[in-house]
């Protein structure tokens, strides 16, 4: 059976203390379950609802903090990029570059990510179907082919491009997940990930911030597994009700290991 990918971590870098708490737990889970969970945290949340919302420490300090986590715990890293000039410096620290859903059609951003040779995780926009994601993937593959890019770890180009389902807009302040997008996207690229926490968001539904409902996260994960997802993305926090970003839809850190065990069974 194909080994699933797991991605987990806080939505945004709030502090070094938070990164340490979450990374230490993820490292423990990896040891106990034989997994290789990729640690995720954003150095900048550039698309927050309000200009007053917390964004993170920025690229310079954020990459230093992520690098310290990698050195201390030996975890693979994933983080978002929002502008093409960020791709190169970020690729020098992390293993996977993530393209945010709102930006998944930004050609320059996709090309810059492809040029690093690192794995690229493209999140499906809330306004696109699974089939529509063939075009962002093709931009990455064409860049790799036309510019003779060597993929990290000797991966084949198609194995280097991942797609992530995270729901579709359904009226105002709501998302729904059409799980048929998962098999549709697996016809485009072999690695399709379910973003189990962003999929339960209520975008902009919290009076200047995004709300959500974390009680549905385990069901999202299990339904995605039934539809063939071979990767699972969880934003986790030891105290999600007091998180600085995405708290209502984040999974409690203590609930991560039992859910991964269930997905592995």
C-alpha atoms as a PDB file:
ATOM      1  CA  UNK A   1       0.000   0.000   0.000  1.00  0.00           C
ATOM      2  CA  UNK A   2       1.242   3.494  -0.841  1.00  0.00           C
ATOM      3  CA  UNK A   3       2.529   5.394   2.171  1.00  0.00           C
ATOM      4  CA  UNK A   4       0.506   8.589   2.750  1.00  0.00           C
ATOM      5  CA  UNK A   5       2.106  11.979   3.261  1.00  0.00           C
ATOM      6  CA  UNK A   6       1.207  13.890   6.416  1.00  0.00           C
ATOM      7  CA  UNK A   7       1.717  17.639   6.784  1.00  0.00           C
ATOM      8  CA  UNK A   8       1.116  19.308  10.149  1.00  0.00           C
ATOM      9  CA  UNK A   9       2.013  22.407  12.089  1.00  0.00           C
ATOM     10  CA  UNK A  10       0.718  25.774  13.231  1.00  0.00           C
ATOM     11  CA  UNK A  11      -0.931  28.087  10.724  1.00  0.00           C
ATOM     12  CA  UNK A  12       1.582  30.865  11.292  1.00  0.00           C
ATOM     13  CA  UNK A  13       4.852  31.270  13.182  1.00  0.00           C
ATOM     14  CA  UNK A  14       3.629  32.911  16.386  1.00  0.00           C
ATOM     15  CA  UNK A  15       6.793  32.343  18.437  1.00  0.00           C
ATOM     16  CA  UNK A  16       9.786  30.036  18.708  1.00  0.00           C
ATOM     17  CA  UNK A  17       8.176  28.519  21.795  1.00  0.00           C
ATOM     18  CA  UNK A  18       5.118  27.446  19.800  1.00  0.00           C
ATOM     19  CA  UNK A  19       7.261  25.962  17.022  1.00  0.00           C
ATOM     20  CA  UNK A  20       9.231  23.964  19.604  1.00  0.00           C
ATOM     21  CA  UNK A  21       6.111  22.570  21.276  1.00  0.00           C
ATOM     22  CA  UNK A  22       4.520  21.465  18.009  1.00  0.00           C
ATOM     23  CA  UNK A  23       7.727  20.189  16.393  1.00  0.00           C
ATOM     24  CA  UNK A  24       8.659  18.153  19.477  1.00  0.00           C
ATOM     25  CA  UNK A  25       5.257  16.454  19.409  1.00  0.00           C
ATOM     26  CA  UNK A  26       5.475  15.759  15.670  1.00  0.00           C
ATOM     27  CA  UNK A  27       8.942  14.255  16.117  1.00  0.00           C
ATOM     28  CA  UNK A  28       7.544  11.999  18.871  1.00  0.00           C
ATOM     29  CA  UNK A  29       4.681  10.877  16.632  1.00  0.00           C
ATOM     30  CA  UNK A  30       7.140  10.106  13.838  1.00  0.00           C
ATOM     31  CA  UNK A  31       9.156   7.910  16.180  1.00  0.00           C
ATOM     32  CA  UNK A  32       6.127   6.080  17.541  1.00  0.00           C
ATOM     33  CA  UNK A  33       4.238   5.560  14.291  1.00  0.00           C
ATOM     34  CA  UNK A  34       7.107   5.338  11.803  1.00  0.00           C
ATOM     35  CA  UNK A  35       5.741   8.326   9.895  1.00  0.00           C
ATOM     36  CA  UNK A  36       7.624  11.222   8.356  1.00  0.00           C
ATOM     37  CA  UNK A  37       5.270  14.120   9.055  1.00  0.00           C
ATOM     38  CA  UNK A  38       6.300  17.289   7.239  1.00  0.00           C
ATOM     39  CA  UNK A  39       6.325  20.306   9.556  1.00  0.00           C
ATOM     40  CA  UNK A  40       4.333  23.291   8.271  1.00  0.00           C
ATOM     41  CA  UNK A  41       4.293  26.906   9.438  1.00  0.00           C
ATOM     42  CA  UNK A  42       3.966  30.183   7.538  1.00  0.00           C
ATOM     43  CA  UNK A  43       6.421  33.053   7.958  1.00  0.00           C
ATOM     44  CA  UNK A  44       3.855  35.450   6.514  1.00  0.00           C
ATOM     45  CA  UNK A  45       0.096  35.160   6.152  1.00  0.00           C
ATOM     46  CA  UNK A  46      -0.213  37.627   3.303  1.00  0.00           C
ATOM     47  CA  UNK A  47      -3.929  37.103   2.634  1.00  0.00           C
ATOM     48  CA  UNK A  48      -5.502  37.733   6.029  1.00  0.00           C
ATOM     49  CA  UNK A  49      -9.020  39.151   6.030  1.00  0.00           C
ATOM     50  CA  UNK A  50      -8.098  42.358   7.882  1.00  0.00           C
ATOM     51  CA  UNK A  51      -5.011  44.569   7.694  1.00  0.00           C
ATOM     52  CA  UNK A  52      -4.891  44.459  11.494  1.00  0.00           C
ATOM     53  CA  UNK A  53      -4.619  40.640  11.599  1.00  0.00           C
ATOM     54  CA  UNK A  54      -1.371  38.999  12.725  1.00  0.00           C
ATOM     55  CA  UNK A  55       0.806  38.027   9.754  1.00  0.00           C
ATOM     56  CA  UNK A  56       3.930  36.458  11.230  1.00  0.00           C
ATOM     57  CA  UNK A  57       7.600  37.372  11.656  1.00  0.00           C
ATOM     58  CA  UNK A  58       8.411  37.857   7.949  1.00  0.00           C
ATOM     59  CA  UNK A  59      10.703  35.967   5.625  1.00  0.00           C
ATOM     60  CA  UNK A  60      14.121  36.685   7.182  1.00  0.00           C
ATOM     61  CA  UNK A  61      13.316  35.883  10.796  1.00  0.00           C
ATOM     62  CA  UNK A  62      10.791  33.213   9.821  1.00  0.00           C
ATOM     63  CA  UNK A  63      13.244  31.219   7.720  1.00  0.00           C
ATOM     64  CA  UNK A  64      15.817  31.401  10.496  1.00  0.00           C
ATOM     65  CA  UNK A  65      13.264  29.994  12.944  1.00  0.00           C
ATOM     66  CA  UNK A  66      12.216  27.242  10.548  1.00  0.00           C
ATOM     67  CA  UNK A  67      15.851  26.372   9.906  1.00  0.00           C
ATOM     68  CA  UNK A  68      16.416  26.058  13.644  1.00  0.00           C
ATOM     69  CA  UNK A  69      13.470  23.651  13.899  1.00  0.00           C
ATOM     70  CA  UNK A  70      14.842  21.531  11.056  1.00  0.00           C
ATOM     71  CA  UNK A  71      18.275  21.364  12.654  1.00  0.00           C
ATOM     72  CA  UNK A  72      16.906  20.532  16.105  1.00  0.00           C
ATOM     73  CA  UNK A  73      14.266  17.939  15.194  1.00  0.00           C
ATOM     74  CA  UNK A  74      15.322  16.654  11.766  1.00  0.00           C
ATOM     75  CA  UNK A  75      11.889  17.317  10.283  1.00  0.00           C
ATOM     76  CA  UNK A  76      11.122  18.048   6.659  1.00  0.00           C
ATOM     77  CA  UNK A  77       9.643  21.530   6.221  1.00  0.00           C
ATOM     78  CA  UNK A  78       6.859  23.098   4.161  1.00  0.00           C
ATOM     79  CA  UNK A  79       5.904  26.764   3.942  1.00  0.00           C
ATOM     80  CA  UNK A  80       3.979  29.101   1.660  1.00  0.00           C
ATOM     81  CA  UNK A  81       5.354  31.600  -0.791  1.00  0.00           C
ATOM     82  CA  UNK A  82       3.308  34.547  -2.017  1.00  0.00           C
ATOM     83  CA  UNK A  83       5.711  36.316  -4.369  1.00  0.00           C
ATOM     84  CA  UNK A  84       8.070  34.901  -6.966  1.00  0.00           C
ATOM     85  CA  UNK A  85      11.193  36.484  -5.438  1.00  0.00           C
ATOM     86  CA  UNK A  86      10.599  34.436  -2.266  1.00  0.00           C
ATOM     87  CA  UNK A  87      11.020  31.058  -3.988  1.00  0.00           C
ATOM     88  CA  UNK A  88      14.812  30.883  -4.074  1.00  0.00           C
ATOM     89  CA  UNK A  89      15.607  31.913  -0.472  1.00  0.00           C
ATOM     90  CA  UNK A  90      12.763  29.791   0.879  1.00  0.00           C
ATOM     91  CA  UNK A  91      13.948  26.745  -1.098  1.00  0.00           C
ATOM     92  CA  UNK A  92      17.330  26.991   0.627  1.00  0.00           C
ATOM     93  CA  UNK A  93      15.625  26.151   3.951  1.00  0.00           C
ATOM     94  CA  UNK A  94      12.474  24.118   3.250  1.00  0.00           C
ATOM     95  CA  UNK A  95      11.756  20.880   1.406  1.00  0.00           C
ATOM     96  CA  UNK A  96       8.355  21.751  -0.071  1.00  0.00           C
ATOM     97  CA  UNK A  97       7.168  25.094  -1.455  1.00  0.00           C
ATOM     98  CA  UNK A  98       3.440  25.638  -1.113  1.00  0.00           C
ATOM     99  CA  UNK A  99       1.394  27.778  -3.488  1.00  0.00           C
ATOM    100  CA  UNK A 100      -1.623  29.290  -1.699  1.00  0.00           C
ATOM    101  CA  UNK A 101      -5.038  28.530  -3.157  1.00  0.00           C
ATOM    102  CA  UNK A 102      -5.783  32.138  -4.089  1.00  0.00           C
ATOM    103  CA  UNK A 103      -2.517  32.251  -6.069  1.00  0.00           C
ATOM    104  CA  UNK A 104      -2.564  28.882  -7.814  1.00  0.00           C
ATOM    105  CA  UNK A 105      -2.894  30.437 -11.292  1.00  0.00           C
ATOM    106  CA  UNK A 106      -0.076  32.990 -10.796  1.00  0.00           C
ATOM    107  CA  UNK A 107       2.296  31.979 -13.576  1.00  0.00           C
ATOM    108  CA  UNK A 108       5.391  33.784 -12.303  1.00  0.00           C
ATOM    109  CA  UNK A 109       4.956  32.259  -8.846  1.00  0.00           C
ATOM    110  CA  UNK A 110       4.590  28.732 -10.234  1.00  0.00           C
ATOM    111  CA  UNK A 111       7.577  29.158 -12.559  1.00  0.00           C
ATOM    112  CA  UNK A 112       9.764  30.480  -9.727  1.00  0.00           C
ATOM    113  CA  UNK A 113       8.788  27.549  -7.513  1.00  0.00           C
ATOM    114  CA  UNK A 114       9.505  25.056 -10.303  1.00  0.00           C
ATOM    115  CA  UNK A 115      12.963  26.535 -10.884  1.00  0.00           C
ATOM    116  CA  UNK A 116      14.042  25.617  -7.340  1.00  0.00           C
ATOM    117  CA  UNK A 117      13.759  21.888  -8.083  1.00  0.00           C
ATOM    118  CA  UNK A 118      11.961  21.396  -4.774  1.00  0.00           C
ATOM    119  CA  UNK A 119       8.584  19.715  -4.423  1.00  0.00           C
ATOM    120  CA  UNK A 120       5.734  22.122  -5.126  1.00  0.00           C
ATOM    121  CA  UNK A 121       2.384  21.722  -3.385  1.00  0.00           C
ATOM    122  CA  UNK A 122      -0.317  23.634  -5.259  1.00  0.00           C
ATOM    123  CA  UNK A 123      -3.506  24.209  -3.315  1.00  0.00           C
ATOM    124  CA  UNK A 124      -6.655  24.160  -5.419  1.00  0.00           C
ATOM    125  CA  UNK A 125      -8.394  27.531  -5.527  1.00  0.00           C
ATOM    126  CA  UNK A 126     -11.823  27.787  -3.965  1.00  0.00           C
ATOM    127  CA  UNK A 127     -13.173  28.853  -7.367  1.00  0.00           C
ATOM    128  CA  UNK A 128     -11.708  26.004  -9.467  1.00  0.00           C
ATOM    129  CA  UNK A 129     -12.646  22.388 -10.116  1.00  0.00           C
ATOM    130  CA  UNK A 130     -10.258  19.493  -9.715  1.00  0.00           C
ATOM    131  CA  UNK A 131      -9.977  19.191 -13.492  1.00  0.00           C
ATOM    132  CA  UNK A 132      -8.960  22.861 -13.752  1.00  0.00           C
ATOM    133  CA  UNK A 133      -5.774  22.099 -11.812  1.00  0.00           C
ATOM    134  CA  UNK A 134      -4.172  20.490 -14.865  1.00  0.00           C
ATOM    135  CA  UNK A 135      -3.168  23.967 -16.016  1.00  0.00           C
ATOM    136  CA  UNK A 136      -1.184  25.057 -12.912  1.00  0.00           C
ATOM    137  CA  UNK A 137       0.508  21.638 -12.906  1.00  0.00           C
ATOM    138  CA  UNK A 138       1.420  22.020 -16.575  1.00  0.00           C
ATOM    139  CA  UNK A 139       3.061  25.388 -15.891  1.00  0.00           C
ATOM    140  CA  UNK A 140       5.360  23.711 -13.362  1.00  0.00           C
ATOM    141  CA  UNK A 141       6.076  20.684 -15.576  1.00  0.00           C
ATOM    142  CA  UNK A 142       6.781  22.826 -18.638  1.00  0.00           C
ATOM    143  CA  UNK A 143       9.229  24.953 -16.661  1.00  0.00           C
ATOM    144  CA  UNK A 144      11.060  21.868 -15.407  1.00  0.00           C
ATOM    145  CA  UNK A 145      11.235  20.413 -18.931  1.00  0.00           C
ATOM    146  CA  UNK A 146      12.035  23.585 -20.874  1.00  0.00           C
ATOM    147  CA  UNK A 147      14.699  24.802 -18.443  1.00  0.00           C
ATOM    148  CA  UNK A 148      16.145  21.330 -17.732  1.00  0.00           C
ATOM    149  CA  UNK A 149      15.548  21.605 -13.989  1.00  0.00           C
ATOM    150  CA  UNK A 150      16.820  18.716 -11.871  1.00  0.00           C
ATOM    151  CA  UNK A 151      14.298  17.815  -9.199  1.00  0.00           C
ATOM    152  CA  UNK A 152      15.474  17.383  -5.621  1.00  0.00           C
ATOM    153  CA  UNK A 153      16.161  13.823  -4.440  1.00  0.00           C
ATOM    154  CA  UNK A 154      16.126  12.618  -8.046  1.00  0.00           C
ATOM    155  CA  UNK A 155      12.327  12.729  -8.225  1.00  0.00           C
ATOM    156  CA  UNK A 156      10.510  12.491 -11.538  1.00  0.00           C
ATOM    157  CA  UNK A 157       8.892  15.847 -12.416  1.00  0.00           C
ATOM    158  CA  UNK A 158       5.340  14.544 -12.012  1.00  0.00           C
ATOM    159  CA  UNK A 159       6.179  13.177  -8.553  1.00  0.00           C
ATOM    160  CA  UNK A 160       7.497  16.616  -7.658  1.00  0.00           C
ATOM    161  CA  UNK A 161       4.147  18.390  -8.125  1.00  0.00           C
ATOM    162  CA  UNK A 162       1.415  17.814  -5.541  1.00  0.00           C
ATOM    163  CA  UNK A 163      -2.180  19.023  -5.522  1.00  0.00           C
ATOM    164  CA  UNK A 164      -4.225  19.834  -2.434  1.00  0.00           C
ATOM    165  CA  UNK A 165      -8.011  19.908  -2.102  1.00  0.00           C
ATOM    166  CA  UNK A 166      -9.353  22.568   0.284  1.00  0.00           C
ATOM    167  CA  UNK A 167     -13.002  23.043  -0.637  1.00  0.00           C
ATOM    168  CA  UNK A 168     -14.956  25.337  -2.935  1.00  0.00           C
ATOM    169  CA  UNK A 169     -16.785  28.592  -2.251  1.00  0.00           C
ATOM    170  CA  UNK A 170     -20.467  28.039  -1.573  1.00  0.00           C
ATOM    171  CA  UNK A 171     -22.102  31.403  -1.303  1.00  0.00           C
ATOM    172  CA  UNK A 172     -20.713  33.901   1.159  1.00  0.00           C
ATOM    173  CA  UNK A 173     -18.575  32.833   4.146  1.00  0.00           C
ATOM    174  CA  UNK A 174     -18.848  29.135   3.453  1.00  0.00           C
ATOM    175  CA  UNK A 175     -16.988  26.257   1.805  1.00  0.00           C
ATOM    176  CA  UNK A 176     -18.091  22.819   0.715  1.00  0.00           C
ATOM    177  CA  UNK A 177     -15.910  19.898  -0.350  1.00  0.00           C
ATOM    178  CA  UNK A 178     -16.731  17.979  -3.498  1.00  0.00           C
ATOM    179  CA  UNK A 179     -14.713  14.842  -2.865  1.00  0.00           C
ATOM    180  CA  UNK A 180     -14.920  13.921  -6.548  1.00  0.00           C
ATOM    181  CA  UNK A 181     -12.139  16.480  -7.025  1.00  0.00           C
ATOM    182  CA  UNK A 182      -9.706  14.028  -5.407  1.00  0.00           C
ATOM    183  CA  UNK A 183      -9.919  11.275  -8.069  1.00  0.00           C
ATOM    184  CA  UNK A 184     -10.118  13.980 -10.748  1.00  0.00           C
ATOM    185  CA  UNK A 185      -6.821  15.480  -9.537  1.00  0.00           C
ATOM    186  CA  UNK A 186      -5.199  12.036  -9.236  1.00  0.00           C
ATOM    187  CA  UNK A 187      -5.601  11.762 -12.989  1.00  0.00           C
ATOM    188  CA  UNK A 188      -3.355  14.855 -13.234  1.00  0.00           C
ATOM    189  CA  UNK A 189      -0.653  14.040 -10.683  1.00  0.00           C
ATOM    190  CA  UNK A 190      -0.115  10.998  -8.443  1.00  0.00           C
ATOM    191  CA  UNK A 191       0.024  12.886  -5.118  1.00  0.00           C
ATOM    192  CA  UNK A 192      -3.253  14.440  -3.970  1.00  0.00           C
ATOM    193  CA  UNK A 193      -3.522  15.837  -0.455  1.00  0.00           C
ATOM    194  CA  UNK A 194      -6.607  16.715   1.582  1.00  0.00           C
ATOM    195  CA  UNK A 195      -6.365  19.947   3.552  1.00  0.00           C
ATOM    196  CA  UNK A 196      -8.562  18.749   6.370  1.00  0.00           C
ATOM    197  CA  UNK A 197      -8.508  21.968   8.403  1.00  0.00           C
ATOM    198  CA  UNK A 198      -8.851  24.774   5.842  1.00  0.00           C
ATOM    199  CA  UNK A 199     -11.740  22.846   4.340  1.00  0.00           C
ATOM    200  CA  UNK A 200     -13.828  23.532   7.444  1.00  0.00           C
ATOM    201  CA  UNK A 201     -13.267  27.296   7.291  1.00  0.00           C
ATOM    202  CA  UNK A 202     -15.950  29.948   7.110  1.00  0.00           C
ATOM    203  CA  UNK A 203     -13.952  32.448   5.027  1.00  0.00           C
ATOM    204  CA  UNK A 204     -14.320  35.985   6.330  1.00  0.00           C
ATOM    205  CA  UNK A 205     -17.130  34.765   8.555  1.00  0.00           C
ATOM    206  CA  UNK A 206     -15.777  36.015  11.848  1.00  0.00           C
ATOM    207  CA  UNK A 207     -16.286  39.791  11.745  1.00  0.00           C
ATOM    208  CA  UNK A 208     -12.944  40.670  10.185  1.00  0.00           C
ATOM    209  CA  UNK A 209     -11.371  37.235  10.394  1.00  0.00           C
ATOM    210  CA  UNK A 210     -12.029  33.707   9.168  1.00  0.00           C
ATOM    211  CA  UNK A 211     -14.025  31.362  11.375  1.00  0.00           C
ATOM    212  CA  UNK A 212     -14.580  27.628  11.078  1.00  0.00           C
ATOM    213  CA  UNK A 213     -15.656  24.414  12.774  1.00  0.00           C
ATOM    214  CA  UNK A 214     -12.885  22.009  13.795  1.00  0.00           C
ATOM    215  CA  UNK A 215     -15.261  19.231  14.887  1.00  0.00           C
ATOM    216  CA  UNK A 216     -15.569  18.193  11.228  1.00  0.00           C
ATOM    217  CA  UNK A 217     -11.810  17.768  10.656  1.00  0.00           C
ATOM    218  CA  UNK A 218     -11.630  13.996  11.387  1.00  0.00           C
ATOM    219  CA  UNK A 219     -14.611  13.309   9.110  1.00  0.00           C
ATOM    220  CA  UNK A 220     -13.010  15.352   6.317  1.00  0.00           C
ATOM    221  CA  UNK A 221      -9.864  13.234   6.638  1.00  0.00           C
ATOM    222  CA  UNK A 222     -11.669   9.889   6.608  1.00  0.00           C
ATOM    223  CA  UNK A 223     -13.921  10.859   3.697  1.00  0.00           C
ATOM    224  CA  UNK A 224     -10.886  12.003   1.700  1.00  0.00           C
ATOM    225  CA  UNK A 225      -9.171   8.685   2.379  1.00  0.00           C
ATOM    226  CA  UNK A 226     -12.231   6.878   1.015  1.00  0.00           C
ATOM    227  CA  UNK A 227     -11.979   8.932  -2.184  1.00  0.00           C
ATOM    228  CA  UNK A 228      -8.305   8.061  -2.648  1.00  0.00           C
ATOM    229  CA  UNK A 229      -6.390  10.940  -1.069  1.00  0.00           C
ATOM    230  CA  UNK A 230      -2.797   9.899  -0.343  1.00  0.00           C
ATOM    231  CA  UNK A 231      -1.821  12.915   1.718  1.00  0.00           C
ATOM    232  CA  UNK A 232      -3.376  14.750   4.663  1.00  0.00           C
ATOM    233  CA  UNK A 233      -2.765  18.327   5.805  1.00  0.00           C
ATOM    234  CA  UNK A 234      -3.577  19.477   9.349  1.00  0.00           C
ATOM    235  CA  UNK A 235      -2.960  22.828  10.965  1.00  0.00           C
ATOM    236  CA  UNK A 236      -2.501  22.039  14.656  1.00  0.00           C
ATOM    237  CA  UNK A 237      -2.060  24.077  17.823  1.00  0.00           C
ATOM    238  CA  UNK A 238      -1.835  23.260  21.548  1.00  0.00           C
ATOM    239  CA  UNK A 239      -4.421  25.986  22.267  1.00  0.00           C
ATOM    240  CA  UNK A 240      -6.336  26.679  19.046  1.00  0.00           C
ATOM    241  CA  UNK A 241      -8.899  28.944  20.697  1.00  0.00           C
ATOM    242  CA  UNK A 242      -6.087  31.398  21.394  1.00  0.00           C
ATOM    243  CA  UNK A 243      -4.187  30.935  18.111  1.00  0.00           C
ATOM    244  CA  UNK A 244      -3.308  34.082  16.160  1.00  0.00           C
ATOM    245  CA  UNK A 245      -4.581  32.703  12.842  1.00  0.00           C
ATOM    246  CA  UNK A 246      -7.164  30.079  11.821  1.00  0.00           C
ATOM    247  CA  UNK A 247      -7.900  29.023  15.395  1.00  0.00           C
ATOM    248  CA  UNK A 248     -11.536  27.911  14.878  1.00  0.00           C
ATOM    249  CA  UNK A 249     -10.633  25.372  12.211  1.00  0.00           C
ATOM    250  CA  UNK A 250      -7.307  24.139  13.640  1.00  0.00           C
ATOM    251  CA  UNK A 251      -6.966  20.678  15.147  1.00  0.00           C
ATOM    252  CA  UNK A 252      -5.972  20.399  18.799  1.00  0.00           C
ATOM    253  CA  UNK A 253      -2.386  19.138  18.912  1.00  0.00           C
ATOM    254  CA  UNK A 254      -3.348  16.307  21.284  1.00  0.00           C
ATOM    255  CA  UNK A 255      -5.824  15.007  18.689  1.00  0.00           C
ATOM    256  CA  UNK A 256      -3.266  14.679  15.884  1.00  0.00           C
ATOM    257  CA  UNK A 257      -1.721  11.309  16.755  1.00  0.00           C
ATOM    258  CA  UNK A 258      -4.973   9.347  17.216  1.00  0.00           C
ATOM    259  CA  UNK A 259      -6.302  10.712  13.910  1.00  0.00           C
ATOM    260  CA  UNK A 260      -3.120   9.741  12.059  1.00  0.00           C
ATOM    261  CA  UNK A 261      -3.298   6.264  13.623  1.00  0.00           C
ATOM    262  CA  UNK A 262      -6.856   5.946  12.320  1.00  0.00           C
ATOM    263  CA  UNK A 263      -5.815   7.055   8.834  1.00  0.00           C
ATOM    264  CA  UNK A 264      -2.989   4.514   8.828  1.00  0.00           C
ATOM    265  CA  UNK A 265      -5.220   1.616   9.851  1.00  0.00           C
END
